[in-house]
Amino acid sequence: MSTTKVIENENSFGSRLRKLRGDLSQMEFSKKIGVKQSSYHNWEREIKEPSYSVIKPICEICKCSPLWLLGIEETTITITKGIDINHKLDSLKHNATETSKSIETLLSSIQKLEGAL
């Protein structure tokens, strides 16, 4: 017979992982952070703890403080929908940069055509 550990402490590692995960499934989130879903499940349920080598990349991907994730400090970024928000922001920045480059190329081409007329 197995028992499920219910986590009620908002400062616990497992509850903070759930906040980072947002609306993503455990499978989706574990893929994003590059770990097995079973490992992630055990961390969120506080059955096992990850090593530092895993905590650091989670914090880098999710843009949160390791001290916050470990429950040592209270302040962190506002988390709305897990790391999807960060991914979308990165994608928007990339698209804006590419658009800017295209506009510069187009303007340069127009100037060359005007000079040739």
Protein backbone atom coordinates (compact mmCIF):
# COMPACT_ATOMS: atom_id res chain seq x y z
CA MET A 1 0.00 0.00 0.00
CA SER A 2 1.45 3.38 -0.98
CA THR A 3 0.69 6.71 0.60
CA THR A 4 0.72 10.12 -1.01
CA LYS A 5 2.43 12.93 0.82
CA VAL A 6 0.35 16.10 0.79
CA ILE A 7 2.42 19.27 0.87
CA GLU A 8 0.79 22.14 2.74
CA ASN A 9 3.84 24.35 3.34
CA GLU A 10 3.99 27.11 0.72
CA ASN A 11 7.71 27.48 1.44
CA SER A 12 8.44 23.87 0.60
CA PHE A 13 10.55 22.93 -2.39
CA GLY A 14 7.71 20.88 -3.88
CA SER A 15 5.14 23.67 -3.64
CA ARG A 16 7.55 26.15 -5.23
CA LEU A 17 8.24 23.73 -8.07
CA ARG A 18 4.49 23.52 -8.65
CA LYS A 19 4.33 27.32 -8.81
CA LEU A 20 7.09 27.35 -11.43
CA ARG A 21 5.32 24.64 -13.43
CA GLY A 22 2.17 26.74 -13.67
CA ASP A 23 -0.34 25.25 -16.13
CA LEU A 24 2.15 22.82 -17.65
CA SER A 25 1.82 19.11 -16.95
CA GLN A 26 4.59 17.41 -15.00
CA MET A 27 5.65 15.73 -18.24
CA GLU A 28 5.83 19.03 -20.17
CA PHE A 29 7.71 20.80 -17.39
CA SER A 30 10.16 17.95 -16.83
CA LYS A 31 11.00 17.98 -20.55
CA LYS A 32 11.57 21.76 -20.43
CA ILE A 33 14.03 21.42 -17.56
CA GLY A 34 15.64 18.29 -19.02
CA VAL A 35 14.82 15.65 -16.39
CA LYS A 36 12.80 12.46 -16.26
CA GLN A 37 9.14 12.92 -15.37
CA SER A 38 9.46 10.34 -12.57
CA SER A 39 12.31 12.33 -10.99
CA TYR A 40 10.34 15.55 -11.24
CA HIS A 41 7.28 13.89 -9.70
CA ASN A 42 9.35 12.71 -6.74
CA TRP A 43 10.73 16.23 -6.17
CA GLU A 44 7.34 17.90 -6.36
CA ARG A 45 5.88 15.36 -3.91
CA GLU A 46 9.01 15.74 -1.76
CA ILE A 47 9.77 12.04 -1.91
CA LYS A 48 13.33 12.82 -3.06
CA GLU A 49 15.48 15.92 -3.47
CA PRO A 50 17.38 16.97 -6.59
CA SER A 51 21.09 17.65 -6.61
CA TYR A 52 22.57 21.13 -6.98
CA SER A 53 23.48 20.29 -10.55
CA VAL A 54 19.74 20.15 -11.30
CA ILE A 55 18.63 23.13 -9.17
CA LYS A 56 20.91 25.56 -10.98
CA PRO A 57 19.51 24.87 -14.48
CA ILE A 58 15.92 24.96 -13.15
CA CYS A 59 16.58 28.42 -11.74
CA GLU A 60 18.24 29.60 -14.95
CA ILE A 61 15.40 28.32 -17.14
CA CYS A 62 12.64 29.62 -14.84
CA LYS A 63 14.43 32.87 -13.98
CA CYS A 64 14.11 32.38 -10.22
CA SER A 65 16.52 32.53 -7.32
CA PRO A 66 17.89 29.25 -5.93
CA LEU A 67 17.29 30.74 -2.48
CA TRP A 68 13.62 31.24 -3.33
CA LEU A 69 13.29 27.75 -4.81
CA LEU A 70 14.81 26.22 -1.68
CA GLY A 71 12.46 28.21 0.57
CA ILE A 72 15.21 30.35 2.10
CA GLU A 73 13.93 33.70 0.79
CA GLU A 74 10.49 34.97 -0.06
CA THR A 75 11.09 37.29 -3.00
CA THR A 76 11.23 36.16 -6.60
CA ILE A 77 9.79 37.12 -9.95
CA THR A 78 6.04 36.98 -10.47
CA ILE A 79 5.19 33.58 -11.83
CA THR A 80 2.13 33.44 -14.05
CA LYS A 81 2.27 30.42 -16.29
CA GLY A 82 5.53 28.66 -15.58
CA ILE A 83 8.40 28.86 -17.99
CA ASP A 84 6.16 29.20 -21.05
CA ILE A 85 6.01 32.95 -20.39
CA ASN A 86 9.81 33.18 -20.39
CA HIS A 87 9.99 31.11 -23.57
CA LYS A 88 7.40 33.34 -25.28
CA LEU A 89 9.26 36.49 -24.23
CA ASP A 90 12.52 35.11 -25.61
CA SER A 91 10.73 34.22 -28.84
CA LEU A 92 9.22 37.71 -29.11
CA LYS A 93 12.64 39.33 -28.54
CA HIS A 94 14.14 37.12 -31.24
CA ASN A 95 11.32 37.95 -33.67
CA ALA A 96 11.67 41.68 -32.95
CA THR A 97 15.40 41.51 -33.66
CA GLU A 98 14.83 39.63 -36.92
CA THR A 99 12.12 42.10 -37.97
CA SER A 100 14.40 45.03 -37.20
CA LYS A 101 17.16 43.51 -39.35
CA SER A 102 14.69 42.96 -42.22
CA ILE A 103 13.52 46.57 -42.03
CA GLU A 104 17.12 47.83 -42.07
CA THR A 105 17.87 45.68 -45.14
CA LEU A 106 14.73 46.93 -46.88
CA LEU A 107 15.57 50.58 -46.12
CA SER A 108 19.10 50.08 -47.40
CA SER A 109 17.75 48.57 -50.62
CA ILE A 110 15.35 51.49 -51.06
CA GLN A 111 18.19 54.00 -50.57
CA LYS A 112 20.29 52.20 -53.18
CA LEU A 113 17.39 52.28 -55.66
CA GLU A 114 16.82 55.98 -55.02
CA GLY A 115 20.51 56.64 -55.62
CA ALA A 116 20.39 54.74 -58.90
CA LEU A 117 17.46 56.81 -60.22
